[in-house]
Amino acid sequence: REVSYEYNSRGLLVKAVRPERFTINYLYDHERRLVARKDNFGNVTQYQYQDPRHPDRVTHIYNARDASLTSLVYDDRGHLIFAQVQRSQYYIATDENGTPVVILDKFGEVVREMMRSPYGQIIYDSNPYLYMPVDYCGGIHDLKTELVIMPRGRVYDPLIG
């Protein structure tokens, strides 16, 4: 993939660069939570954590370019069960690790189904155009780098585990 990564002194990924393709900067708060992602095309995505009982769970994602807001709801085990993206509503079925495997629309119709390798890489995707930001084990999926930002700022690559 020929991507270079830059980490800060706390071990948090702060930059990913693929020459002539993209440059992405990641910003974190004092609790090591991802709060913003900026790329060289002017896209800014903000991540908010509004659940005081579970401060590591992303509850809202705001994309400034298209002014879209995604609201996320979790069950008592911390698994994503519902997402509202603008006016669209989705129900999410996850595996035992909190990884989304099926996404249904508000009528109960399957709109996306995913199968994964043992390390979490998607090997089958019925609708890759429907982006769901919460991914492997409940981490935040970055479409450009294919990395998953886990709670506390850990970075996971589903290709290599």
C-alpha atoms as a PDB file:
ATOM      1  CA  ARG A   1       0.000   0.000   0.000  1.00  0.00           C
ATOM      2  CA  GLU A   2       3.068   2.268   0.258  1.00  0.00           C
ATOM      3  CA  VAL A   3       1.660   4.474   2.996  1.00  0.00           C
ATOM      4  CA  SER A   4       3.906   6.147   5.548  1.00  0.00           C
ATOM      5  CA  TYR A   5       2.683   6.752   9.078  1.00  0.00           C
ATOM      6  CA  GLU A   6       3.691   9.304  11.695  1.00  0.00           C
ATOM      7  CA  TYR A   7       3.046   8.848  15.414  1.00  0.00           C
ATOM      8  CA  ASN A   8       3.324  11.305  18.281  1.00  0.00           C
ATOM      9  CA  SER A   9       5.167  10.795  21.578  1.00  0.00           C
ATOM     10  CA  ARG A  10       2.077   9.110  23.071  1.00  0.00           C
ATOM     11  CA  GLY A  11       2.059   6.485  20.316  1.00  0.00           C
ATOM     12  CA  LEU A  12      -0.997   7.908  18.564  1.00  0.00           C
ATOM     13  CA  LEU A  13      -1.233   7.945  14.779  1.00  0.00           C
ATOM     14  CA  VAL A  14      -1.179  11.613  13.752  1.00  0.00           C
ATOM     15  CA  LYS A  15      -0.511  11.409  10.011  1.00  0.00           C
ATOM     16  CA  ALA A  16      -0.853   8.968   7.123  1.00  0.00           C
ATOM     17  CA  VAL A  17       0.664   9.827   3.740  1.00  0.00           C
ATOM     18  CA  ARG A  18       0.481   8.069   0.419  1.00  0.00           C
ATOM     19  CA  PRO A  19       2.493  10.214  -2.003  1.00  0.00           C
ATOM     20  CA  GLU A  20       0.426  11.814  -4.754  1.00  0.00           C
ATOM     21  CA  ARG A  21      -2.755  10.226  -3.322  1.00  0.00           C
ATOM     22  CA  PHE A  22      -3.574  11.516   0.153  1.00  0.00           C
ATOM     23  CA  THR A  23      -2.369  13.081   3.371  1.00  0.00           C
ATOM     24  CA  ILE A  24      -4.519  12.538   6.438  1.00  0.00           C
ATOM     25  CA  ASN A  25      -4.053  14.164   9.841  1.00  0.00           C
ATOM     26  CA  TYR A  26      -5.631  12.721  12.982  1.00  0.00           C
ATOM     27  CA  LEU A  27      -6.377  14.758  16.108  1.00  0.00           C
ATOM     28  CA  TYR A  28      -7.020  13.363  19.605  1.00  0.00           C
ATOM     29  CA  ASP A  29      -8.262  14.727  22.894  1.00  0.00           C
ATOM     30  CA  HIS A  30      -6.610  14.365  26.310  1.00  0.00           C
ATOM     31  CA  GLU A  31      -8.257  10.942  26.752  1.00  0.00           C
ATOM     32  CA  ARG A  32      -6.632   9.567  23.568  1.00  0.00           C
ATOM     33  CA  ARG A  33      -9.952   9.591  21.678  1.00  0.00           C
ATOM     34  CA  LEU A  34     -10.005  10.436  17.989  1.00  0.00           C
ATOM     35  CA  VAL A  35     -11.793  13.791  17.698  1.00  0.00           C
ATOM     36  CA  ALA A  36     -11.025  14.866  14.127  1.00  0.00           C
ATOM     37  CA  ARG A  37      -9.693  13.647  10.803  1.00  0.00           C
ATOM     38  CA  LYS A  38      -8.499  16.112   8.159  1.00  0.00           C
ATOM     39  CA  ASP A  39      -7.304  15.285   4.669  1.00  0.00           C
ATOM     40  CA  ASN A  40      -5.504  17.222   1.947  1.00  0.00           C
ATOM     41  CA  PHE A  41      -8.765  17.640  -0.010  1.00  0.00           C
ATOM     42  CA  GLY A  42     -10.306  19.818   2.687  1.00  0.00           C
ATOM     43  CA  ASN A  43     -12.483  17.124   4.223  1.00  0.00           C
ATOM     44  CA  VAL A  44     -12.859  17.416   7.982  1.00  0.00           C
ATOM     45  CA  THR A  45     -14.654  14.786  10.034  1.00  0.00           C
ATOM     46  CA  GLN A  46     -15.355  15.328  13.723  1.00  0.00           C
ATOM     47  CA  TYR A  47     -16.029  12.569  16.260  1.00  0.00           C
ATOM     48  CA  GLN A  48     -18.027  13.238  19.418  1.00  0.00           C
ATOM     49  CA  TYR A  49     -18.360  11.163  22.569  1.00  0.00           C
ATOM     50  CA  GLN A  50     -21.590  12.114  24.358  1.00  0.00           C
ATOM     51  CA  ASP A  51     -22.252   9.048  26.528  1.00  0.00           C
ATOM     52  CA  PRO A  52     -20.947   9.863  30.037  1.00  0.00           C
ATOM     53  CA  ARG A  53     -21.315   6.236  31.171  1.00  0.00           C
ATOM     54  CA  HIS A  54     -19.176   5.029  28.237  1.00  0.00           C
ATOM     55  CA  PRO A  55     -16.795   7.854  27.321  1.00  0.00           C
ATOM     56  CA  ASP A  56     -14.906   5.834  24.668  1.00  0.00           C
ATOM     57  CA  ARG A  57     -17.972   5.253  22.453  1.00  0.00           C
ATOM     58  CA  VAL A  58     -18.395   7.491  19.433  1.00  0.00           C
ATOM     59  CA  THR A  59     -21.959   8.799  19.500  1.00  0.00           C
ATOM     60  CA  HIS A  60     -21.901  11.368  16.682  1.00  0.00           C
ATOM     61  CA  ILE A  61     -19.829  11.868  13.548  1.00  0.00           C
ATOM     62  CA  TYR A  62     -20.007  15.149  11.688  1.00  0.00           C
ATOM     63  CA  ASN A  63     -18.646  15.598   8.171  1.00  0.00           C
ATOM     64  CA  ALA A  64     -18.152  19.305   7.521  1.00  0.00           C
ATOM     65  CA  ARG A  65     -17.884  19.067   3.732  1.00  0.00           C
ATOM     66  CA  ASP A  66     -21.439  17.850   3.183  1.00  0.00           C
ATOM     67  CA  ALA A  67     -22.769  18.885   6.622  1.00  0.00           C
ATOM     68  CA  SER A  68     -23.838  15.306   7.352  1.00  0.00           C
ATOM     69  CA  LEU A  69     -24.380  14.073  10.875  1.00  0.00           C
ATOM     70  CA  THR A  70     -24.299  10.415  11.849  1.00  0.00           C
ATOM     71  CA  SER A  71     -25.798   9.463  15.218  1.00  0.00           C
ATOM     72  CA  LEU A  72     -24.886   6.096  16.722  1.00  0.00           C
ATOM     73  CA  VAL A  73     -26.694   4.016  19.363  1.00  0.00           C
ATOM     74  CA  TYR A  74     -25.216   1.029  21.214  1.00  0.00           C
ATOM     75  CA  ASP A  75     -26.671  -1.838  23.233  1.00  0.00           C
ATOM     76  CA  ASP A  76     -25.711  -2.643  26.831  1.00  0.00           C
ATOM     77  CA  ARG A  77     -22.720  -4.714  25.620  1.00  0.00           C
ATOM     78  CA  GLY A  78     -21.321  -1.752  23.686  1.00  0.00           C
ATOM     79  CA  HIS A  79     -22.231  -3.112  20.261  1.00  0.00           C
ATOM     80  CA  LEU A  80     -23.589  -0.751  17.626  1.00  0.00           C
ATOM     81  CA  ILE A  81     -27.294  -1.426  16.982  1.00  0.00           C
ATOM     82  CA  PHE A  82     -28.575   1.710  15.238  1.00  0.00           C
ATOM     83  CA  ALA A  83     -27.238   4.508  13.061  1.00  0.00           C
ATOM     84  CA  GLN A  84     -28.985   7.534  11.670  1.00  0.00           C
ATOM     85  CA  VAL A  85     -27.198   9.143   8.740  1.00  0.00           C
ATOM     86  CA  GLN A  86     -28.981  12.368   7.873  1.00  0.00           C
ATOM     87  CA  ARG A  87     -32.554  11.111   7.269  1.00  0.00           C
ATOM     88  CA  SER A  88     -31.657   7.458   6.678  1.00  0.00           C
ATOM     89  CA  GLN A  89     -32.019   4.997   9.532  1.00  0.00           C
ATOM     90  CA  TYR A  90     -30.148   1.718   9.783  1.00  0.00           C
ATOM     91  CA  TYR A  91     -30.215  -1.195  12.187  1.00  0.00           C
ATOM     92  CA  ILE A  92     -26.937  -3.035  12.622  1.00  0.00           C
ATOM     93  CA  ALA A  93     -26.353  -6.667  13.546  1.00  0.00           C
ATOM     94  CA  THR A  94     -22.888  -7.355  14.937  1.00  0.00           C
ATOM     95  CA  ASP A  95     -20.900 -10.436  15.814  1.00  0.00           C
ATOM     96  CA  GLU A  96     -19.774 -11.270  19.356  1.00  0.00           C
ATOM     97  CA  ASN A  97     -16.887  -8.764  19.081  1.00  0.00           C
ATOM     98  CA  GLY A  98     -19.059  -5.819  18.048  1.00  0.00           C
ATOM     99  CA  THR A  99     -18.094  -6.001  14.379  1.00  0.00           C
ATOM    100  CA  PRO A 100     -20.972  -5.087  12.024  1.00  0.00           C
ATOM    101  CA  VAL A 101     -21.964  -7.999   9.775  1.00  0.00           C
ATOM    102  CA  VAL A 102     -25.427  -7.005   8.504  1.00  0.00           C
ATOM    103  CA  ILE A 103     -27.030  -3.589   8.026  1.00  0.00           C
ATOM    104  CA  LEU A 104     -30.796  -3.292   7.598  1.00  0.00           C
ATOM    105  CA  ASP A 105     -32.877  -0.309   6.547  1.00  0.00           C
ATOM    106  CA  LYS A 106     -35.834   0.948   8.592  1.00  0.00           C
ATOM    107  CA  PHE A 107     -38.094  -1.590   6.871  1.00  0.00           C
ATOM    108  CA  GLY A 108     -35.903  -4.544   7.882  1.00  0.00           C
ATOM    109  CA  GLU A 109     -34.481  -5.108   4.397  1.00  0.00           C
ATOM    110  CA  VAL A 110     -30.814  -6.107   4.227  1.00  0.00           C
ATOM    111  CA  VAL A 111     -28.898  -3.261   2.577  1.00  0.00           C
ATOM    112  CA  ARG A 112     -25.379  -4.470   3.315  1.00  0.00           C
ATOM    113  CA  GLU A 113     -23.858  -7.784   4.326  1.00  0.00           C
ATOM    114  CA  MET A 114     -20.170  -8.336   5.101  1.00  0.00           C
ATOM    115  CA  MET A 115     -17.957 -11.370   5.600  1.00  0.00           C
ATOM    116  CA  ARG A 116     -14.463 -11.035   7.037  1.00  0.00           C
ATOM    117  CA  SER A 117     -11.156 -12.819   7.282  1.00  0.00           C
ATOM    118  CA  PRO A 118     -10.034 -13.995  10.748  1.00  0.00           C
ATOM    119  CA  TYR A 119      -8.173 -10.673  11.182  1.00  0.00           C
ATOM    120  CA  GLY A 120     -11.187  -8.570  10.203  1.00  0.00           C
ATOM    121  CA  GLN A 121     -10.481  -7.674   6.580  1.00  0.00           C
ATOM    122  CA  ILE A 122     -13.687  -7.550   4.542  1.00  0.00           C
ATOM    123  CA  ILE A 123     -13.613 -10.401   2.020  1.00  0.00           C
ATOM    124  CA  TYR A 124     -17.230 -10.050   0.863  1.00  0.00           C
ATOM    125  CA  ASP A 125     -19.284  -6.864   0.839  1.00  0.00           C
ATOM    126  CA  SER A 126     -22.716  -6.778  -0.779  1.00  0.00           C
ATOM    127  CA  ASN A 127     -22.816  -2.957  -0.823  1.00  0.00           C
ATOM    128  CA  PRO A 128     -19.420  -1.261  -0.326  1.00  0.00           C
ATOM    129  CA  TYR A 129     -20.944   2.110  -1.235  1.00  0.00           C
ATOM    130  CA  LEU A 130     -22.919   2.228   2.014  1.00  0.00           C
ATOM    131  CA  TYR A 131     -20.301   3.500   4.437  1.00  0.00           C
ATOM    132  CA  MET A 132     -20.624   2.558   8.085  1.00  0.00           C
ATOM    133  CA  PRO A 133     -17.911   4.298  10.132  1.00  0.00           C
ATOM    134  CA  VAL A 134     -17.997   1.825  13.029  1.00  0.00           C
ATOM    135  CA  ASP A 135     -16.135  -1.266  11.908  1.00  0.00           C
ATOM    136  CA  TYR A 136     -14.031  -4.138  13.229  1.00  0.00           C
ATOM    137  CA  CYS A 137     -14.525  -4.659  17.000  1.00  0.00           C
ATOM    138  CA  GLY A 138     -16.311  -1.316  17.196  1.00  0.00           C
ATOM    139  CA  GLY A 139     -13.383   0.770  15.935  1.00  0.00           C
ATOM    140  CA  ILE A 140     -13.601   3.670  13.490  1.00  0.00           C
ATOM    141  CA  HIS A 141     -12.832   2.676   9.900  1.00  0.00           C
ATOM    142  CA  ASP A 142     -10.802   5.026   7.699  1.00  0.00           C
ATOM    143  CA  LEU A 143     -11.699   4.418   4.053  1.00  0.00           C
ATOM    144  CA  LYS A 144      -8.466   5.853   2.631  1.00  0.00           C
ATOM    145  CA  THR A 145      -5.918   4.047   4.797  1.00  0.00           C
ATOM    146  CA  GLU A 146      -8.092   0.959   5.455  1.00  0.00           C
ATOM    147  CA  LEU A 147      -7.015   1.226   9.102  1.00  0.00           C
ATOM    148  CA  VAL A 148      -9.333   0.928  12.083  1.00  0.00           C
ATOM    149  CA  ILE A 149      -8.827   3.400  14.925  1.00  0.00           C
ATOM    150  CA  MET A 150      -9.718   1.515  18.085  1.00  0.00           C
ATOM    151  CA  PRO A 151     -10.637   3.010  21.462  1.00  0.00           C
ATOM    152  CA  ARG A 152      -7.787   4.789  23.262  1.00  0.00           C
ATOM    153  CA  GLY A 153      -6.183   5.611  19.896  1.00  0.00           C
ATOM    154  CA  ARG A 154      -4.854   2.155  19.071  1.00  0.00           C
ATOM    155  CA  VAL A 155      -4.483   1.542  15.334  1.00  0.00           C
ATOM    156  CA  TYR A 156      -5.414  -1.792  13.784  1.00  0.00           C
ATOM    157  CA  ASP A 157      -4.752  -3.004  10.238  1.00  0.00           C
ATOM    158  CA  PRO A 158      -7.243  -5.772   9.316  1.00  0.00           C
ATOM    159  CA  LEU A 159      -5.036  -6.863   6.429  1.00  0.00           C
ATOM    160  CA  ILE A 160      -2.184  -8.020   8.672  1.00  0.00           C
ATOM    161  CA  GLY A 161      -3.884  -8.307  12.064  1.00  0.00           C
END
